[in-house]
Amino acid sequence: MSGGFDDFFSGMSLLQKNKKILIKFSFLTVISWFIVFLQYWFLSIALGLGLTYLLIFIILSVVTLTEILPISFSGIGTRDVAMILLFSFVNIHPANAVAFSIAMLLVIYIHGFFGMIFFIKNPIKLFNKSELKMSTVHT
């Protein structure tokens, strides 16, 4: 656990020193969130909810914040309540909001499962050990 802690903070110091990497990671983060919201927009179309991409973006931004509260397992319950509340503003029935929430949870678990398989087969290293040692020596 301490090795992971050290790697994390060494990586953070590398990011502070190398602004190019920080900009690159920020750009990739924005692109990945765009893809995530696009995927959930397609899911809403498949469920016949009739939501626009902008509504999905706004609603799921709030839902994601409630989902990370450490009061439930995988956001179950908190995500559902947030969806029911926010979807009620656009006249979507609570049952449809819960169906969308469950479908989202399944997508999250499916992605996690495939990500786990790919990671087990080919784990990635974000930083070289020599870069980490150099950043800890110079700090």
C-alpha atoms as a PDB file:
ATOM      1  CA  MET A   1       0.000   0.000   0.000  1.00  0.00           C
ATOM      2  CA  SER A   2       2.825   2.397   0.778  1.00  0.00           C
ATOM      3  CA  GLY A   3       4.351   1.651  -2.646  1.00  0.00           C
ATOM      4  CA  GLY A   4       1.116   2.720  -4.326  1.00  0.00           C
ATOM      5  CA  PHE A   5       1.001   5.820  -2.136  1.00  0.00           C
ATOM      6  CA  ASP A   6       4.576   6.719  -3.075  1.00  0.00           C
ATOM      7  CA  ASP A   7       3.937   6.060  -6.778  1.00  0.00           C
ATOM      8  CA  PHE A   8       0.854   8.292  -6.720  1.00  0.00           C
ATOM      9  CA  PHE A   9       2.596  11.258  -5.137  1.00  0.00           C
ATOM     10  CA  SER A  10       5.702  10.796  -7.273  1.00  0.00           C
ATOM     11  CA  GLY A  11       3.465  10.818 -10.336  1.00  0.00           C
ATOM     12  CA  MET A  12       1.755  13.981  -9.103  1.00  0.00           C
ATOM     13  CA  SER A  13       5.092  15.738  -8.715  1.00  0.00           C
ATOM     14  CA  LEU A  14       6.019  14.678 -12.267  1.00  0.00           C
ATOM     15  CA  LEU A  15       2.773  16.164 -13.544  1.00  0.00           C
ATOM     16  CA  GLN A  16       3.463  19.439 -11.755  1.00  0.00           C
ATOM     17  CA  LYS A  17       6.892  19.664 -13.337  1.00  0.00           C
ATOM     18  CA  ASN A  18       5.853  18.623 -16.857  1.00  0.00           C
ATOM     19  CA  LYS A  19       2.953  20.796 -18.030  1.00  0.00           C
ATOM     20  CA  LYS A  20       2.807  19.021 -21.421  1.00  0.00           C
ATOM     21  CA  ILE A  21       1.849  15.756 -19.742  1.00  0.00           C
ATOM     22  CA  LEU A  22      -0.714  17.558 -17.590  1.00  0.00           C
ATOM     23  CA  ILE A  23      -2.311  19.170 -20.656  1.00  0.00           C
ATOM     24  CA  LYS A  24      -2.275  15.839 -22.503  1.00  0.00           C
ATOM     25  CA  PHE A  25      -3.950  14.010 -19.591  1.00  0.00           C
ATOM     26  CA  SER A  26      -6.517  16.794 -19.194  1.00  0.00           C
ATOM     27  CA  PHE A  27      -7.375  16.631 -22.899  1.00  0.00           C
ATOM     28  CA  LEU A  28      -7.724  12.844 -22.748  1.00  0.00           C
ATOM     29  CA  THR A  29      -9.961  13.166 -19.683  1.00  0.00           C
ATOM     30  CA  VAL A  30     -12.294  15.605 -21.458  1.00  0.00           C
ATOM     31  CA  ILE A  31     -12.466  13.312 -24.509  1.00  0.00           C
ATOM     32  CA  SER A  32     -13.199  10.261 -22.349  1.00  0.00           C
ATOM     33  CA  TRP A  33     -16.017  12.055 -20.498  1.00  0.00           C
ATOM     34  CA  PHE A  34     -17.476  13.143 -23.854  1.00  0.00           C
ATOM     35  CA  ILE A  35     -17.499   9.483 -24.906  1.00  0.00           C
ATOM     36  CA  VAL A  36     -19.053   8.377 -21.592  1.00  0.00           C
ATOM     37  CA  PHE A  37     -21.895  10.900 -21.921  1.00  0.00           C
ATOM     38  CA  LEU A  38     -22.357   9.924 -25.575  1.00  0.00           C
ATOM     39  CA  GLN A  39     -22.664   6.292 -24.565  1.00  0.00           C
ATOM     40  CA  TYR A  40     -25.319   7.112 -21.959  1.00  0.00           C
ATOM     41  CA  TRP A  41     -27.149   9.275 -24.476  1.00  0.00           C
ATOM     42  CA  PHE A  42     -27.307   6.233 -26.784  1.00  0.00           C
ATOM     43  CA  LEU A  43     -28.562   4.201 -23.837  1.00  0.00           C
ATOM     44  CA  SER A  44     -31.314   6.759 -23.216  1.00  0.00           C
ATOM     45  CA  ILE A  45     -32.289   6.526 -26.887  1.00  0.00           C
ATOM     46  CA  ALA A  46     -32.406   2.722 -26.625  1.00  0.00           C
ATOM     47  CA  LEU A  47     -34.730   3.009 -23.624  1.00  0.00           C
ATOM     48  CA  GLY A  48     -36.926   5.527 -25.462  1.00  0.00           C
ATOM     49  CA  LEU A  49     -36.414   8.349 -22.956  1.00  0.00           C
ATOM     50  CA  GLY A  50     -36.098  11.073 -25.587  1.00  0.00           C
ATOM     51  CA  LEU A  51     -33.369  13.047 -23.820  1.00  0.00           C
ATOM     52  CA  THR A  52     -30.979  15.370 -25.599  1.00  0.00           C
ATOM     53  CA  TYR A  53     -27.222  15.036 -25.246  1.00  0.00           C
ATOM     54  CA  LEU A  54     -27.143  18.300 -23.290  1.00  0.00           C
ATOM     55  CA  LEU A  55     -29.727  16.992 -20.790  1.00  0.00           C
ATOM     56  CA  ILE A  56     -27.754  13.767 -20.363  1.00  0.00           C
ATOM     57  CA  PHE A  57     -24.618  15.843 -19.783  1.00  0.00           C
ATOM     58  CA  ILE A  58     -26.282  18.041 -17.146  1.00  0.00           C
ATOM     59  CA  ILE A  59     -28.197  15.290 -15.338  1.00  0.00           C
ATOM     60  CA  LEU A  60     -25.349  12.777 -15.266  1.00  0.00           C
ATOM     61  CA  SER A  61     -22.869  15.395 -14.059  1.00  0.00           C
ATOM     62  CA  VAL A  62     -25.008  15.854 -10.946  1.00  0.00           C
ATOM     63  CA  VAL A  63     -25.739  12.128 -10.660  1.00  0.00           C
ATOM     64  CA  THR A  64     -22.015  11.321 -10.808  1.00  0.00           C
ATOM     65  CA  LEU A  65     -21.369  13.627  -7.863  1.00  0.00           C
ATOM     66  CA  THR A  66     -24.083  11.940  -5.785  1.00  0.00           C
ATOM     67  CA  GLU A  67     -22.899   8.514  -6.892  1.00  0.00           C
ATOM     68  CA  ILE A  68     -19.483   8.949  -5.282  1.00  0.00           C
ATOM     69  CA  LEU A  69     -20.876   9.640  -1.832  1.00  0.00           C
ATOM     70  CA  PRO A  70     -19.494   6.940   0.450  1.00  0.00           C
ATOM     71  CA  ILE A  71     -22.896   5.851   1.733  1.00  0.00           C
ATOM     72  CA  SER A  72     -23.710   3.046  -0.694  1.00  0.00           C
ATOM     73  CA  PHE A  73     -22.160   0.255  -2.696  1.00  0.00           C
ATOM     74  CA  SER A  74     -21.486   1.299  -6.323  1.00  0.00           C
ATOM     75  CA  GLY A  75     -23.828   4.266  -5.948  1.00  0.00           C
ATOM     76  CA  ILE A  76     -26.862   1.995  -5.769  1.00  0.00           C
ATOM     77  CA  GLY A  77     -29.681   3.927  -4.192  1.00  0.00           C
ATOM     78  CA  THR A  78     -28.085   7.351  -4.304  1.00  0.00           C
ATOM     79  CA  ARG A  79     -27.847   7.230  -8.099  1.00  0.00           C
ATOM     80  CA  ASP A  80     -31.440   5.990  -8.333  1.00  0.00           C
ATOM     81  CA  VAL A  81     -32.836   8.746  -6.116  1.00  0.00           C
ATOM     82  CA  ALA A  82     -30.849  11.417  -7.960  1.00  0.00           C
ATOM     83  CA  MET A  83     -32.103  10.089 -11.303  1.00  0.00           C
ATOM     84  CA  ILE A  84     -35.719   9.990 -10.131  1.00  0.00           C
ATOM     85  CA  LEU A  85     -35.469  13.561  -8.882  1.00  0.00           C
ATOM     86  CA  LEU A  86     -33.654  15.010 -11.882  1.00  0.00           C
ATOM     87  CA  PHE A  87     -35.651  13.087 -14.481  1.00  0.00           C
ATOM     88  CA  SER A  88     -38.865  14.305 -12.831  1.00  0.00           C
ATOM     89  CA  PHE A  89     -37.944  17.831 -13.987  1.00  0.00           C
ATOM     90  CA  VAL A  90     -38.196  16.654 -17.600  1.00  0.00           C
ATOM     91  CA  ASN A  91     -41.365  14.576 -16.991  1.00  0.00           C
ATOM     92  CA  ILE A  92     -39.783  11.135 -17.087  1.00  0.00           C
ATOM     93  CA  HIS A  93     -41.564   8.526 -14.992  1.00  0.00           C
ATOM     94  CA  PRO A  94     -39.651   7.241 -11.910  1.00  0.00           C
ATOM     95  CA  ALA A  95     -39.743   3.665 -13.251  1.00  0.00           C
ATOM     96  CA  ASN A  96     -37.966   4.817 -16.415  1.00  0.00           C
ATOM     97  CA  ALA A  97     -35.410   6.711 -14.327  1.00  0.00           C
ATOM     98  CA  VAL A  98     -34.666   3.580 -12.292  1.00  0.00           C
ATOM     99  CA  ALA A  99     -34.477   1.475 -15.477  1.00  0.00           C
ATOM    100  CA  PHE A 100     -31.922   3.916 -16.869  1.00  0.00           C
ATOM    101  CA  SER A 101     -30.001   3.831 -13.592  1.00  0.00           C
ATOM    102  CA  ILE A 102     -29.866   0.021 -13.593  1.00  0.00           C
ATOM    103  CA  ALA A 103     -28.802  -0.005 -17.246  1.00  0.00           C
ATOM    104  CA  MET A 104     -26.040   2.477 -16.371  1.00  0.00           C
ATOM    105  CA  LEU A 105     -24.866   0.228 -13.548  1.00  0.00           C
ATOM    106  CA  LEU A 106     -24.741  -2.760 -15.903  1.00  0.00           C
ATOM    107  CA  VAL A 107     -22.706  -0.773 -18.424  1.00  0.00           C
ATOM    108  CA  ILE A 108     -20.293   0.293 -15.686  1.00  0.00           C
ATOM    109  CA  TYR A 109     -19.813  -3.310 -14.537  1.00  0.00           C
ATOM    110  CA  ILE A 110     -19.421  -4.612 -18.098  1.00  0.00           C
ATOM    111  CA  HIS A 111     -16.759  -2.000 -18.820  1.00  0.00           C
ATOM    112  CA  GLY A 112     -15.033  -2.802 -15.558  1.00  0.00           C
ATOM    113  CA  PHE A 113     -15.054  -6.520 -16.321  1.00  0.00           C
ATOM    114  CA  PHE A 114     -13.480  -6.087 -19.750  1.00  0.00           C
ATOM    115  CA  GLY A 115     -11.031  -3.535 -18.369  1.00  0.00           C
ATOM    116  CA  MET A 116     -10.004  -6.026 -15.694  1.00  0.00           C
ATOM    117  CA  ILE A 117      -9.416  -8.747 -18.299  1.00  0.00           C
ATOM    118  CA  PHE A 118      -7.302  -6.447 -20.465  1.00  0.00           C
ATOM    119  CA  PHE A 119      -5.356  -5.209 -17.451  1.00  0.00           C
ATOM    120  CA  ILE A 120      -4.635  -8.725 -16.197  1.00  0.00           C
ATOM    121  CA  LYS A 121      -3.391  -9.739 -19.646  1.00  0.00           C
ATOM    122  CA  ASN A 122      -1.332  -6.607 -20.207  1.00  0.00           C
ATOM    123  CA  PRO A 123      -0.857  -4.360 -17.169  1.00  0.00           C
ATOM    124  CA  ILE A 124       0.295  -0.856 -17.991  1.00  0.00           C
ATOM    125  CA  LYS A 125       2.830   1.255 -16.196  1.00  0.00           C
ATOM    126  CA  LEU A 126       2.187   4.975 -16.272  1.00  0.00           C
ATOM    127  CA  PHE A 127       5.715   5.945 -15.283  1.00  0.00           C
ATOM    128  CA  ASN A 128       9.111   4.310 -15.549  1.00  0.00           C
ATOM    129  CA  LYS A 129      10.689   3.366 -12.232  1.00  0.00           C
ATOM    130  CA  SER A 130      13.687   5.569 -13.089  1.00  0.00           C
ATOM    131  CA  GLU A 131      11.395   8.608 -13.592  1.00  0.00           C
ATOM    132  CA  LEU A 132       9.759   7.969 -10.229  1.00  0.00           C
ATOM    133  CA  LYS A 133      13.113   7.648  -8.465  1.00  0.00           C
ATOM    134  CA  MET A 134      14.406  10.831 -10.109  1.00  0.00           C
ATOM    135  CA  SER A 135      11.294  12.802  -9.099  1.00  0.00           C
ATOM    136  CA  THR A 136      11.571  11.694  -5.478  1.00  0.00           C
ATOM    137  CA  VAL A 137      15.275  12.553  -5.353  1.00  0.00           C
ATOM    138  CA  HIS A 138      14.735  16.079  -6.734  1.00  0.00           C
ATOM    139  CA  THR A 139      11.779  17.002  -4.515  1.00  0.00           C
END
